[in-house]
Protein backbone atom coordinates (compact mmCIF):
# COMPACT_ATOMS: atom_id res chain seq x y z
CA UNK A 1 0.21 -4.90 29.54
CA UNK A 2 1.80 -5.64 26.17
CA UNK A 3 -0.41 -4.74 23.23
CA UNK A 4 -1.18 -7.48 20.74
CA UNK A 5 -1.36 -6.77 17.01
CA UNK A 6 -2.34 -8.90 14.03
CA UNK A 7 -0.74 -7.94 10.72
CA UNK A 8 -2.48 -9.39 7.67
CA UNK A 9 -0.22 -9.32 4.64
CA UNK A 10 2.87 -9.72 6.85
CA UNK A 11 4.67 -11.59 4.07
CA UNK A 12 4.47 -8.60 1.77
CA UNK A 13 6.80 -5.65 1.32
CA UNK A 14 5.07 -3.05 3.49
CA UNK A 15 3.60 -5.61 5.87
CA UNK A 16 6.99 -7.09 6.74
CA UNK A 17 8.38 -3.63 7.52
CA UNK A 18 5.31 -2.82 9.64
CA UNK A 19 5.80 -6.01 11.67
CA UNK A 20 9.40 -5.03 12.38
CA UNK A 21 8.29 -1.57 13.56
CA UNK A 22 5.51 -2.90 15.81
CA UNK A 23 7.88 -5.35 17.49
CA UNK A 24 10.34 -2.51 18.05
CA UNK A 25 7.49 -0.51 19.58
CA UNK A 26 6.92 -3.27 22.15
CA UNK A 27 3.95 -5.08 20.60
CA UNK A 28 3.43 -8.82 20.55
CA UNK A 29 2.78 -9.47 16.84
CA UNK A 30 1.21 -12.29 14.89
CA UNK A 31 1.83 -12.07 11.17
CA UNK A 32 -0.36 -13.90 8.68
CA UNK A 33 0.00 -14.24 4.93
CA UNK A 34 -0.39 -16.76 2.14
CA UNK A 35 3.42 -16.70 1.84
CA UNK A 36 6.52 -16.02 3.90
CA UNK A 37 8.39 -12.69 3.38
CA UNK A 38 10.40 -12.74 0.15
CA UNK A 39 13.82 -11.84 1.52
CA UNK A 40 14.36 -11.78 5.29
CA UNK A 41 12.71 -13.94 7.97
CA UNK A 42 9.71 -12.32 9.62
CA UNK A 43 10.26 -10.39 12.86
CA UNK A 44 6.80 -11.44 14.07
CA UNK A 45 6.52 -13.27 17.38
CA UNK A 46 4.35 -15.74 15.51
CA UNK A 47 3.94 -16.14 11.75
CA UNK A 48 1.01 -18.08 10.30
CA UNK A 49 0.78 -19.15 6.66
CA UNK A 50 -2.92 -19.01 5.80
CA UNK A 51 -5.25 -18.13 2.94
CA UNK A 52 -7.45 -15.28 4.16
CA UNK A 53 -9.84 -15.82 1.27
CA UNK A 54 -11.16 -18.59 3.51
CA UNK A 55 -13.39 -17.17 6.29
CA UNK A 56 -12.32 -19.94 8.68
CA UNK A 57 -8.67 -18.97 8.19
CA UNK A 58 -9.50 -15.34 8.90
CA UNK A 59 -11.33 -16.30 12.10
CA UNK A 60 -8.43 -18.54 13.18
CA UNK A 61 -5.98 -15.69 12.60
CA UNK A 62 -7.88 -13.62 15.21
CA UNK A 63 -7.84 -16.38 17.82
CA UNK A 64 -6.25 -15.42 21.13
CA UNK A 65 -7.41 -11.83 21.22
CA UNK A 66 -5.89 -8.67 19.75
CA UNK A 67 -5.93 -4.96 20.45
CA UNK A 68 -5.25 -3.90 16.87
CA UNK A 69 -5.59 -5.42 13.40
CA UNK A 70 -3.55 -4.10 10.47
CA UNK A 71 -5.12 -5.27 7.21
CA UNK A 72 -2.61 -4.99 4.36
CA UNK A 73 -3.28 -8.34 2.66
CA UNK A 74 -4.21 -7.94 -1.02
CA UNK A 75 -3.63 -9.47 -4.42
CA UNK A 76 -1.79 -6.61 -6.09
CA UNK A 77 1.31 -5.39 -7.86
CA UNK A 78 2.51 -2.69 -10.20
CA UNK A 79 0.59 -1.17 -13.09
CA UNK A 80 1.30 -4.10 -15.40
CA UNK A 81 -0.30 -6.55 -12.97
CA UNK A 82 -3.21 -4.23 -12.10
CA UNK A 83 -4.20 -3.96 -15.74
CA UNK A 84 -3.75 -7.65 -16.60
CA UNK A 85 -5.43 -9.29 -13.58
CA UNK A 86 -8.62 -7.32 -12.96
CA UNK A 87 -10.92 -10.21 -12.05
CA UNK A 88 -8.20 -11.87 -9.95
CA UNK A 89 -7.68 -8.66 -7.98
CA UNK A 90 -11.39 -8.04 -7.46
CA UNK A 91 -12.16 -11.64 -6.44
CA UNK A 92 -9.22 -12.30 -4.14
CA UNK A 93 -8.90 -8.91 -2.45
CA UNK A 94 -12.64 -8.55 -1.87
CA UNK A 95 -12.79 -11.96 -0.21
CA UNK A 96 -9.82 -11.16 2.02
CA UNK A 97 -11.26 -7.82 3.08
CA UNK A 98 -14.78 -9.02 3.89
CA UNK A 99 -13.44 -12.06 5.77
CA UNK A 100 -10.89 -10.19 7.87
CA UNK A 101 -13.17 -7.29 8.80
CA UNK A 102 -15.96 -9.67 9.86
CA UNK A 103 -13.54 -11.82 11.88
CA UNK A 104 -12.13 -8.71 13.57
CA UNK A 105 -15.62 -7.50 14.46
CA UNK A 106 -16.52 -10.88 15.92
CA UNK A 107 -13.27 -10.94 17.91
CA UNK A 108 -13.99 -7.62 19.61
CA UNK A 109 -10.78 -5.80 18.71
CA UNK A 110 -10.21 -2.14 19.57
CA UNK A 111 -8.79 -0.64 16.38
CA UNK A 112 -8.85 -1.80 12.77
CA UNK A 113 -6.40 -0.36 10.22
CA UNK A 114 -7.07 -0.73 6.50
CA UNK A 115 -4.41 -0.10 3.88
CA UNK A 116 -6.22 1.60 1.01
CA UNK A 117 -4.69 3.33 -2.00
CA UNK A 118 -4.64 6.63 -3.86
CA UNK A 119 -5.87 4.56 -6.80
CA UNK A 120 -9.34 5.43 -5.47
CA UNK A 121 -8.95 8.88 -7.09
CA UNK A 122 -9.65 9.87 -10.69
CA UNK A 123 -7.09 10.79 -13.31
CA UNK A 124 -5.95 14.41 -13.10
CA UNK A 125 -4.54 16.97 -15.48
CA UNK A 126 -1.06 18.36 -14.84
CA UNK A 127 -1.32 21.54 -12.78
CA UNK A 128 -4.77 20.68 -11.42
CA UNK A 129 -5.39 21.65 -7.78
CA UNK A 130 -4.71 18.94 -5.21
CA UNK A 131 -7.49 16.64 -4.02
CA UNK A 132 -8.56 16.30 -0.40
CA UNK A 133 -9.77 12.93 0.90
CA UNK A 134 -13.43 13.87 0.39
CA UNK A 135 -12.74 14.44 -3.32
CA UNK A 136 -12.66 10.70 -3.93
CA UNK A 137 -16.41 11.13 -4.49
CA UNK A 138 -18.10 11.22 -6.93
CA UNK A 139 -15.93 8.18 -7.55
CA UNK A 140 -14.11 7.54 -10.81
CA UNK A 141 -11.05 5.33 -10.19
CA UNK A 142 -8.89 4.55 -13.21
CA UNK A 143 -8.82 0.80 -12.53
CA UNK A 144 -10.63 -2.03 -10.75
CA UNK A 145 -8.00 -2.10 -8.00
CA UNK A 146 -9.13 1.40 -7.04
CA UNK A 147 -12.80 0.39 -7.05
CA UNK A 148 -12.07 -2.59 -4.81
CA UNK A 149 -10.24 -0.33 -2.36
CA UNK A 150 -13.23 2.03 -2.21
CA UNK A 151 -15.51 -0.91 -1.44
CA UNK A 152 -13.13 -2.09 1.31
CA UNK A 153 -13.08 1.40 2.83
CA UNK A 154 -16.88 1.48 2.94
CA UNK A 155 -17.06 -2.00 4.46
CA UNK A 156 -14.67 -1.04 7.27
CA UNK A 157 -16.49 2.25 7.88
CA UNK A 158 -19.84 0.46 8.15
CA UNK A 159 -18.55 -1.84 10.91
CA UNK A 160 -17.12 1.18 12.73
CA UNK A 161 -20.46 2.99 12.56
CA UNK A 162 -22.05 -0.03 14.24
CA UNK A 163 -19.55 0.35 17.08
CA UNK A 164 -17.69 -2.89 16.35
CA UNK A 165 -14.27 -1.20 16.48
CA UNK A 166 -12.54 2.10 15.73
CA UNK A 167 -11.52 2.42 12.07
CA UNK A 168 -8.29 3.87 10.72
CA UNK A 169 -7.91 4.05 6.93
CA UNK A 170 -4.81 5.21 5.02
CA UNK A 171 -4.66 5.78 1.29
CA UNK A 172 -1.09 4.85 0.39
CA UNK A 173 0.87 6.62 -2.30
CA UNK A 174 3.47 4.67 -4.30
CA UNK A 175 5.89 3.07 -1.85
CA UNK A 176 9.49 2.00 -2.43
CA UNK A 177 12.41 0.71 -0.38
CA UNK A 178 14.51 -2.34 0.50
CA UNK A 179 13.08 -5.85 0.25
CA UNK A 180 10.38 -4.88 -2.22
CA UNK A 181 9.49 -7.03 -5.21
CA UNK A 182 11.75 -6.05 -8.11
CA UNK A 183 11.08 -8.72 -10.75
CA UNK A 184 8.46 -11.24 -11.82
CA UNK A 185 5.69 -8.96 -13.08
CA UNK A 186 4.35 -7.47 -9.83
CA UNK A 187 7.10 -4.92 -9.22
CA UNK A 188 6.33 -1.21 -9.20
CA UNK A 189 8.00 1.56 -11.18
CA UNK A 190 10.92 2.46 -8.87
CA UNK A 191 12.03 -1.16 -8.48
CA UNK A 192 11.44 -1.98 -12.15
CA UNK A 193 13.50 0.99 -13.32
CA UNK A 194 16.28 0.20 -10.86
CA UNK A 195 16.41 -3.35 -12.19
CA UNK A 196 16.43 -2.24 -15.81
CA UNK A 197 19.16 0.34 -15.27
CA UNK A 198 21.27 -2.14 -13.31
CA UNK A 199 20.96 -4.79 -16.01
CA UNK A 200 21.40 -2.50 -19.02
CA UNK A 201 24.54 -3.29 -21.00
CA UNK A 202 23.98 -0.98 -23.99
CA UNK A 203 22.87 2.21 -22.25
CA UNK A 204 19.18 1.84 -23.11
CA UNK A 205 16.09 0.62 -21.24
CA UNK A 206 12.47 0.21 -22.32
CA UNK A 207 9.94 2.26 -20.34
CA UNK A 208 6.16 2.31 -20.75
CA UNK A 209 4.57 5.55 -21.94
CA UNK A 210 6.29 8.78 -22.98
CA UNK A 211 7.83 9.84 -19.67
CA UNK A 212 5.41 12.67 -18.93
CA UNK A 213 3.25 10.85 -16.36
CA UNK A 214 3.76 12.28 -12.87
CA UNK A 215 3.95 10.31 -9.62
CA UNK A 216 4.75 10.75 -5.95
CA UNK A 217 6.79 8.13 -4.08
CA UNK A 218 7.15 7.50 -0.36
CA UNK A 219 9.94 5.55 1.34
CA UNK A 220 8.74 2.53 3.28
CA UNK A 221 10.05 3.71 6.68
CA UNK A 222 8.15 7.00 6.26
CA UNK A 223 5.01 5.12 5.27
CA UNK A 224 5.18 2.88 8.34
CA UNK A 225 5.70 5.94 10.53
CA UNK A 226 2.56 7.46 9.04
CA UNK A 227 0.59 4.28 9.71
CA UNK A 228 1.64 4.26 13.35
CA UNK A 229 0.75 7.92 13.81
CA UNK A 230 -2.65 7.41 12.22
CA UNK A 231 -3.54 4.34 14.28
CA UNK A 232 -2.54 6.11 17.50
CA UNK A 233 -4.61 9.19 16.59
CA UNK A 234 -8.32 9.92 16.82
CA UNK A 235 -8.68 10.38 13.02
CA UNK A 236 -11.26 7.90 11.77
CA UNK A 237 -11.77 9.22 8.22
CA UNK A 238 -9.73 8.03 5.22
CA UNK A 239 -6.35 9.76 5.20
CA UNK A 240 -3.89 10.33 2.36
CA UNK A 241 -0.44 9.06 3.26
CA UNK A 242 2.45 10.22 1.13
CA UNK A 243 4.81 13.09 0.36
CA UNK A 244 4.46 16.42 -1.41
CA UNK A 245 7.32 15.64 -3.81
CA UNK A 246 6.31 14.78 -7.38
CA UNK A 247 8.43 13.60 -10.28
CA UNK A 248 7.80 12.64 -13.89
CA UNK A 249 8.70 9.15 -15.06
CA UNK A 250 11.39 10.79 -17.22
CA UNK A 251 12.88 12.42 -14.13
CA UNK A 252 12.70 9.14 -12.21
CA UNK A 253 14.71 7.41 -14.93
CA UNK A 254 17.30 10.19 -14.73
CA UNK A 255 17.54 9.90 -10.93
CA UNK A 256 18.05 6.13 -11.06
CA UNK A 257 20.64 6.41 -13.83
CA UNK A 258 22.51 9.11 -11.90
CA UNK A 259 22.56 6.98 -8.74
CA UNK A 260 23.91 4.07 -10.77
CA UNK A 261 26.51 6.33 -12.45
CA UNK A 262 25.26 5.22 -15.87
CA UNK A 263 24.37 7.05 -19.06
CA UNK A 264 20.88 5.74 -19.86
CA UNK A 265 18.62 6.51 -22.81
CA UNK A 266 14.98 5.47 -22.24
CA UNK A 267 13.18 3.84 -25.16
CA UNK A 268 9.53 4.80 -24.73
CA UNK A 269 7.22 1.91 -25.59
CA UNK A 270 3.51 1.19 -25.39
CA UNK A 271 2.32 -0.17 -22.04
CA UNK A 272 -0.14 0.28 -19.16
CA UNK A 273 0.95 3.62 -17.74
CA UNK A 274 -2.15 4.32 -15.66
CA UNK A 275 -3.22 7.87 -14.88
CA UNK A 276 -1.36 10.91 -16.18
CA UNK A 277 -1.23 12.59 -12.80
CA UNK A 278 -2.57 12.56 -9.24
CA UNK A 279 -2.09 15.41 -6.78
CA UNK A 280 -3.16 14.85 -3.18
CA UNK A 281 -3.55 16.95 -0.09
CA UNK A 282 -1.54 15.64 2.86
CA UNK A 283 -2.81 18.15 5.42
CA UNK A 284 -4.67 15.53 7.46
CA UNK A 285 -1.71 13.21 8.05
CA UNK A 286 0.63 16.19 8.53
CA UNK A 287 -1.68 17.49 11.27
CA UNK A 288 -0.55 14.42 13.26
CA UNK A 289 3.08 15.54 13.12
CA UNK A 290 3.94 13.40 10.09
CA UNK A 291 7.01 14.72 8.31
CA UNK A 292 8.63 12.41 5.71
CA UNK A 293 12.36 12.11 6.25
CA UNK A 294 13.27 10.75 2.81
């Protein structure tokens, strides 16, 4: 029989790509979000516009029965948004997570996937040994978005311990790719830098910080592949999902400028950079055969 999947956050960047992959894998998919996808029409068999902060909307989204729930819905964005909308993020994302996980438990689904974030980890010094998933505790996230993700992880795990469903939790690294938000204040570093380089007419762009902060980025198709491998596995503990390639912000600017065939000089300005560095172990997801192609 055809498997049925519910994707919460199907109007977002990663969610819309996940819907496309699930349909290609033969699933019947219902997508739900407070908005339609930004660029292309959804590939979902059914798309519902609903506010999952409302528990009745979350329950209605589960109507009809599902084998798997993919919970990616969140009020989030890049570092500028994360640092300027703390109460908004905590309020909205917490409501969505508690409503969806309760509705899924009541609906008797088989597997529940939660999109968490590497923002659950502390700031790290350059050269510091990589962190395994268990090293998220004792907890010291750099921002409230990370704290909310830790709470969501614990909520999902508690339902799983009660036998309500099987839990799968991925801590996403920074994701980039086509059809991501690139303007408006919620865009992340790769998209923001691409936009700035593309629009530069004098060979300069403003960039937050001093260029020394280090990040790892994963292409959206690789991320979706990792999600599918994790959900199909028997790994129930939180799992880092990313690549082992790290670049400084300075290097990222250089890569974008080179791809655009432009000579670009970054003007380093004050802004919410976030942590200096994070370095994560990817052994757990790689044990499932995950091998990023980009």
